[in-house]
Amino acid sequence: MEAHTDGPLWIGVWSGNLKAQKLYAAYGFEKAGEYQYPVGAWMDDEFILRRG
């Protein structure tokens, strides 16, 4: 997951994916916001994560 960049790294993760959230936290990502993502007829709650 190491990236060669001068700025922050942003990713989105489904709020129900706790394993992924723990993995990203282990790599230094922190929750920076929330949004909803359309999936078919409903909206999934998502988290915006930031590192750097």
Protein backbone atom coordinates (compact mmCIF):
# COMPACT_ATOMS: atom_id res chain seq x y z
CA MET A 1 0.00 0.00 0.00
CA GLU A 2 2.97 2.32 -0.07
CA ALA A 3 2.61 5.09 -2.62
CA HIS A 4 5.08 7.57 -3.98
CA THR A 5 3.18 10.82 -3.72
CA ASP A 6 3.73 14.29 -2.31
CA GLY A 7 0.14 14.75 -1.20
CA PRO A 8 -2.48 12.92 0.81
CA LEU A 9 -3.98 9.62 -0.27
CA TRP A 10 -7.79 9.37 -0.23
CA ILE A 11 -9.90 6.21 -0.38
CA GLY A 12 -13.53 5.26 0.14
CA VAL A 13 -14.74 2.23 2.09
CA TRP A 14 -18.19 0.82 2.80
CA SER A 15 -19.22 1.55 6.39
CA GLY A 16 -20.09 -2.13 6.92
CA ASN A 17 -16.66 -3.43 5.89
CA LEU A 18 -14.99 -3.50 9.32
CA LYS A 19 -12.09 -5.72 8.21
CA ALA A 20 -11.10 -3.24 5.51
CA GLN A 21 -11.43 -0.32 7.92
CA LYS A 22 -9.08 -2.04 10.40
CA LEU A 23 -6.59 -2.79 7.62
CA TYR A 24 -6.60 0.81 6.39
CA ALA A 25 -6.23 2.10 9.97
CA ALA A 26 -3.16 -0.12 10.38
CA TYR A 27 -1.68 1.69 7.36
CA GLY A 28 -2.34 5.11 8.88
CA PHE A 29 -5.68 6.05 7.30
CA GLU A 30 -8.10 8.15 9.33
CA LYS A 31 -11.78 8.88 8.76
CA ALA A 32 -12.16 12.25 7.06
CA GLY A 33 -15.84 12.22 6.11
CA GLU A 34 -18.89 10.29 5.02
CA TYR A 35 -20.99 10.05 1.88
CA GLN A 36 -23.69 7.89 0.34
CA TYR A 37 -23.08 5.78 -2.76
CA PRO A 38 -25.97 4.57 -4.94
CA VAL A 39 -26.22 0.78 -5.25
CA GLY A 40 -29.24 -0.24 -7.26
CA ALA A 41 -32.36 1.13 -5.58
CA TRP A 42 -30.69 2.05 -2.27
CA MET A 43 -27.82 4.15 -0.93
CA ASP A 44 -24.82 2.65 0.89
CA ASP A 45 -23.17 4.63 3.67
CA GLU A 46 -19.47 5.04 2.89
CA PHE A 47 -16.50 6.54 4.73
CA ILE A 48 -13.83 8.75 3.21
CA LEU A 49 -10.41 7.85 4.60
CA ARG A 50 -7.25 9.96 4.36
CA ARG A 51 -3.57 9.28 4.91
CA GLY A 52 -0.91 11.96 4.83
